[in-house]
Amino acid sequence: MKWVCSVCGWEYDEEQGDPDNGIEPGTKFEDLPEDFVCPLCGVGKDEFTEAE
């Protein structure tokens, strides 16, 4: 599943994770730390929406 930042459009892909920021591939969005922020614009998880 993919999640998109509603502010800047950065996409989090659960299959790929975000290795550059210490998130292992296969990490589900709901399992990201509560303090996770968009690596591009810095908004929190509540600003992400499920990609169509």
PDB file of N, CA and C in Angstrom:
ATOM      1  N   MET A   1       0.839  -1.177   0.000  1.00  0.00           N
ATOM      2  CA  MET A   1       0.000   0.000   0.000  1.00  0.00           C
ATOM      3  C   MET A   1       0.889   1.246   0.000  1.00  0.00           C
ATOM      4  N   LYS A   2       0.375   2.306  -0.617  1.00  0.00           N
ATOM      5  CA  LYS A   2       1.121   3.563  -0.677  1.00  0.00           C
ATOM      6  C   LYS A   2       0.307   4.665  -0.013  1.00  0.00           C
ATOM      7  N   TRP A   3       1.032   5.577   0.612  1.00  0.00           N
ATOM      8  CA  TRP A   3       0.433   6.730   1.303  1.00  0.00           C
ATOM      9  C   TRP A   3       1.083   7.992   0.762  1.00  0.00           C
ATOM     10  N   VAL A   4       0.280   9.039   0.571  1.00  0.00           N
ATOM     11  CA  VAL A   4       0.764  10.272  -0.044  1.00  0.00           C
ATOM     12  C   VAL A   4       0.599  11.441   0.926  1.00  0.00           C
ATOM     13  N   CYS A   5       1.642  12.242   1.032  1.00  0.00           N
ATOM     14  CA  CYS A   5       1.579  13.456   1.847  1.00  0.00           C
ATOM     15  C   CYS A   5       0.658  14.453   1.146  1.00  0.00           C
ATOM     16  N   SER A   6      -0.374  14.899   1.856  1.00  0.00           N
ATOM     17  CA  SER A   6      -1.340  15.815   1.247  1.00  0.00           C
ATOM     18  C   SER A   6      -0.788  17.230   1.091  1.00  0.00           C
ATOM     19  N   VAL A   7       0.352  17.507   1.716  1.00  0.00           N
ATOM     20  CA  VAL A   7       0.943  18.841   1.622  1.00  0.00           C
ATOM     21  C   VAL A   7       1.902  18.942   0.436  1.00  0.00           C
ATOM     22  N   CYS A   8       2.832  17.981   0.309  1.00  0.00           N
ATOM     23  CA  CYS A   8       3.857  18.114  -0.736  1.00  0.00           C
ATOM     24  C   CYS A   8       3.830  17.003  -1.793  1.00  0.00           C
ATOM     25  N   GLY A   9       3.062  15.936  -1.543  1.00  0.00           N
ATOM     26  CA  GLY A   9       2.958  14.871  -2.538  1.00  0.00           C
ATOM     27  C   GLY A   9       3.976  13.753  -2.399  1.00  0.00           C
ATOM     28  N   TRP A  10       4.857  13.815  -1.389  1.00  0.00           N
ATOM     29  CA  TRP A  10       5.823  12.729  -1.182  1.00  0.00           C
ATOM     30  C   TRP A  10       5.056  11.441  -0.901  1.00  0.00           C
ATOM     31  N   GLU A  11       5.556  10.330  -1.443  1.00  0.00           N
ATOM     32  CA  GLU A  11       4.843   9.059  -1.331  1.00  0.00           C
ATOM     33  C   GLU A  11       5.611   8.070  -0.472  1.00  0.00           C
ATOM     34  N   TYR A  12       4.905   7.465   0.478  1.00  0.00           N
ATOM     35  CA  TYR A  12       5.487   6.380   1.282  1.00  0.00           C
ATOM     36  C   TYR A  12       4.942   5.069   0.749  1.00  0.00           C
ATOM     37  N   ASP A  13       5.836   4.200   0.295  1.00  0.00           N
ATOM     38  CA  ASP A  13       5.484   2.878  -0.230  1.00  0.00           C
ATOM     39  C   ASP A  13       5.866   1.843   0.822  1.00  0.00           C
ATOM     40  N   GLU A  14       4.862   1.136   1.356  1.00  0.00           N
ATOM     41  CA  GLU A  14       5.123   0.153   2.418  1.00  0.00           C
ATOM     42  C   GLU A  14       6.096  -0.925   1.966  1.00  0.00           C
ATOM     43  N   GLU A  15       6.055  -1.320   0.694  1.00  0.00           N
ATOM     44  CA  GLU A  15       6.959  -2.359   0.191  1.00  0.00           C
ATOM     45  C   GLU A  15       8.410  -1.906   0.227  1.00  0.00           C
ATOM     46  N   GLN A  16       8.639  -0.625  -0.077  1.00  0.00           N
ATOM     47  CA  GLN A  16      10.005  -0.113  -0.138  1.00  0.00           C
ATOM     48  C   GLN A  16      10.478   0.497   1.173  1.00  0.00           C
ATOM     49  N   GLY A  17       9.539   0.895   2.029  1.00  0.00           N
ATOM     50  CA  GLY A  17       9.919   1.574   3.263  1.00  0.00           C
ATOM     51  C   GLY A  17      10.592   2.902   2.949  1.00  0.00           C
ATOM     52  N   ASP A  18      11.444   3.344   3.833  1.00  0.00           N
ATOM     53  CA  ASP A  18      12.215   4.578   3.632  1.00  0.00           C
ATOM     54  C   ASP A  18      13.595   4.376   4.257  1.00  0.00           C
ATOM     55  N   PRO A  19      14.405   3.519   3.605  1.00  0.00           N
ATOM     56  CA  PRO A  19      15.722   3.165   4.173  1.00  0.00           C
ATOM     57  C   PRO A  19      16.608   4.364   4.488  1.00  0.00           C
ATOM     58  N   ASP A  20      16.481   5.444   3.715  1.00  0.00           N
ATOM     59  CA  ASP A  20      17.294   6.633   3.954  1.00  0.00           C
ATOM     60  C   ASP A  20      17.004   7.248   5.321  1.00  0.00           C
ATOM     61  N   ASN A  21      15.808   6.977   5.843  1.00  0.00           N
ATOM     62  CA  ASN A  21      15.403   7.525   7.133  1.00  0.00           C
ATOM     63  C   ASN A  21      15.183   6.434   8.181  1.00  0.00           C
ATOM     64  N   GLY A  22      15.765   5.248   7.942  1.00  0.00           N
ATOM     65  CA  GLY A  22      15.751   4.187   8.936  1.00  0.00           C
ATOM     66  C   GLY A  22      14.474   3.359   8.993  1.00  0.00           C
ATOM     67  N   ILE A  23      13.620   3.455   7.957  1.00  0.00           N
ATOM     68  CA  ILE A  23      12.388   2.668   7.925  1.00  0.00           C
ATOM     69  C   ILE A  23      12.603   1.473   7.001  1.00  0.00           C
ATOM     70  N   GLU A  24      12.540   0.274   7.578  1.00  0.00           N
ATOM     71  CA  GLU A  24      12.803  -0.949   6.821  1.00  0.00           C
ATOM     72  C   GLU A  24      11.733  -1.213   5.764  1.00  0.00           C
ATOM     73  N   PRO A  25      12.115  -1.803   4.614  1.00  0.00           N
ATOM     74  CA  PRO A  25      11.122  -2.226   3.626  1.00  0.00           C
ATOM     75  C   PRO A  25      10.109  -3.169   4.280  1.00  0.00           C
ATOM     76  N   GLY A  26       8.856  -3.056   3.873  1.00  0.00           N
ATOM     77  CA  GLY A  26       7.801  -3.894   4.424  1.00  0.00           C
ATOM     78  C   GLY A  26       7.135  -3.310   5.664  1.00  0.00           C
ATOM     79  N   THR A  27       7.572  -2.117   6.117  1.00  0.00           N
ATOM     80  CA  THR A  27       6.975  -1.487   7.297  1.00  0.00           C
ATOM     81  C   THR A  27       5.640  -0.849   6.916  1.00  0.00           C
ATOM     82  N   LYS A  28       4.575  -1.310   7.537  1.00  0.00           N
ATOM     83  CA  LYS A  28       3.253  -0.753   7.270  1.00  0.00           C
ATOM     84  C   LYS A  28       3.172   0.676   7.803  1.00  0.00           C
ATOM     85  N   PHE A  29       2.369   1.496   7.127  1.00  0.00           N
ATOM     86  CA  PHE A  29       2.227   2.895   7.525  1.00  0.00           C
ATOM     87  C   PHE A  29       1.774   3.002   8.975  1.00  0.00           C
ATOM     88  N   GLU A  30       0.827   2.155   9.360  1.00  0.00           N
ATOM     89  CA  GLU A  30       0.305   2.205  10.737  1.00  0.00           C
ATOM     90  C   GLU A  30       1.361   1.834  11.770  1.00  0.00           C
ATOM     91  N   ASP A  31       2.435   1.147  11.330  1.00  0.00           N
ATOM     92  CA  ASP A  31       3.503   0.748  12.244  1.00  0.00           C
ATOM     93  C   ASP A  31       4.641   1.759  12.325  1.00  0.00           C
ATOM     94  N   LEU A  32       4.542   2.837  11.535  1.00  0.00           N
ATOM     95  CA  LEU A  32       5.560   3.886  11.625  1.00  0.00           C
ATOM     96  C   LEU A  32       5.459   4.532  13.003  1.00  0.00           C
ATOM     97  N   PRO A  33       6.573   5.040  13.529  1.00  0.00           N
ATOM     98  CA  PRO A  33       6.521   5.697  14.841  1.00  0.00           C
ATOM     99  C   PRO A  33       5.527   6.858  14.837  1.00  0.00           C
ATOM    100  N   GLU A  34       4.932   7.128  15.976  1.00  0.00           N
ATOM    101  CA  GLU A  34       3.969   8.228  16.086  1.00  0.00           C
ATOM    102  C   GLU A  34       4.594   9.571  15.731  1.00  0.00           C
ATOM    103  N   ASP A  35       5.910   9.683  15.924  1.00  0.00           N
ATOM    104  CA  ASP A  35       6.579  10.953  15.616  1.00  0.00           C
ATOM    105  C   ASP A  35       7.127  11.012  14.194  1.00  0.00           C
ATOM    106  N   PHE A  36       6.722  10.055  13.353  1.00  0.00           N
ATOM    107  CA  PHE A  36       7.144  10.068  11.947  1.00  0.00           C
ATOM    108  C   PHE A  36       6.665  11.356  11.284  1.00  0.00           C
ATOM    109  N   VAL A  37       7.543  11.969  10.492  1.00  0.00           N
ATOM    110  CA  VAL A  37       7.170  13.148   9.713  1.00  0.00           C
ATOM    111  C   VAL A  37       7.611  12.952   8.268  1.00  0.00           C
ATOM    112  N   CYS A  38       6.947  13.643   7.381  1.00  0.00           N
ATOM    113  CA  CYS A  38       7.306  13.612   5.965  1.00  0.00           C
ATOM    114  C   CYS A  38       8.749  14.108   5.814  1.00  0.00           C
ATOM    115  N   PRO A  39       9.591  13.321   5.141  1.00  0.00           N
ATOM    116  CA  PRO A  39      10.990  13.736   5.002  1.00  0.00           C
ATOM    117  C   PRO A  39      11.188  14.978   4.136  1.00  0.00           C
ATOM    118  N   LEU A  40      10.190  15.345   3.339  1.00  0.00           N
ATOM    119  CA  LEU A  40      10.328  16.533   2.502  1.00  0.00           C
ATOM    120  C   LEU A  40       9.816  17.805   3.171  1.00  0.00           C
ATOM    121  N   CYS A  41       8.622  17.723   3.776  1.00  0.00           N
ATOM    122  CA  CYS A  41       8.038  18.967   4.292  1.00  0.00           C
ATOM    123  C   CYS A  41       7.815  18.966   5.808  1.00  0.00           C
ATOM    124  N   GLY A  42       7.972  17.817   6.473  1.00  0.00           N
ATOM    125  CA  GLY A  42       7.958  17.790   7.926  1.00  0.00           C
ATOM    126  C   GLY A  42       6.600  17.662   8.604  1.00  0.00           C
ATOM    127  N   VAL A  43       5.518  17.430   7.832  1.00  0.00           N
ATOM    128  CA  VAL A  43       4.218  17.266   8.479  1.00  0.00           C
ATOM    129  C   VAL A  43       4.082  15.846   9.041  1.00  0.00           C
ATOM    130  N   GLY A  44       3.163  15.677   9.985  1.00  0.00           N
ATOM    131  CA  GLY A  44       2.973  14.391  10.639  1.00  0.00           C
ATOM    132  C   GLY A  44       2.135  13.405   9.846  1.00  0.00           C
ATOM    133  N   LYS A  45       2.005  12.201  10.419  1.00  0.00           N
ATOM    134  CA  LYS A  45       1.270  11.109   9.775  1.00  0.00           C
ATOM    135  C   LYS A  45      -0.177  11.477   9.464  1.00  0.00           C
ATOM    136  N   ASP A  46      -0.751  12.379  10.251  1.00  0.00           N
ATOM    137  CA  ASP A  46      -2.161  12.734  10.051  1.00  0.00           C
ATOM    138  C   ASP A  46      -2.396  13.503   8.751  1.00  0.00           C
ATOM    139  N   GLU A  47      -1.310  13.937   8.089  1.00  0.00           N
ATOM    140  CA  GLU A  47      -1.446  14.655   6.825  1.00  0.00           C
ATOM    141  C   GLU A  47      -1.280  13.731   5.611  1.00  0.00           C
ATOM    142  N   PHE A  48      -1.199  12.418   5.857  1.00  0.00           N
ATOM    143  CA  PHE A  48      -1.051  11.463   4.766  1.00  0.00           C
ATOM    144  C   PHE A  48      -2.386  10.813   4.448  1.00  0.00           C
ATOM    145  N   THR A  49      -2.609  10.530   3.171  1.00  0.00           N
ATOM    146  CA  THR A  49      -3.808   9.829   2.746  1.00  0.00           C
ATOM    147  C   THR A  49      -3.405   8.605   1.934  1.00  0.00           C
ATOM    148  N   GLU A  50      -4.278   7.605   1.961  1.00  0.00           N
ATOM    149  CA  GLU A  50      -4.033   6.372   1.221  1.00  0.00           C
ATOM    150  C   GLU A  50      -4.078   6.687  -0.278  1.00  0.00           C
ATOM    151  N   ALA A  51      -3.092   6.187  -1.011  1.00  0.00           N
ATOM    152  CA  ALA A  51      -3.054   6.417  -2.466  1.00  0.00           C
ATOM    153  C   ALA A  51      -4.110   5.573  -3.151  1.00  0.00           C
ATOM    154  N   GLU A  52      -4.671   6.094  -4.197  1.00  0.00           N
ATOM    155  CA  GLU A  52      -5.711   5.375  -4.956  1.00  0.00           C
ATOM    156  C   GLU A  52      -5.087   4.283  -5.787  1.00  0.00           C
TER     157      GLU A  52
END
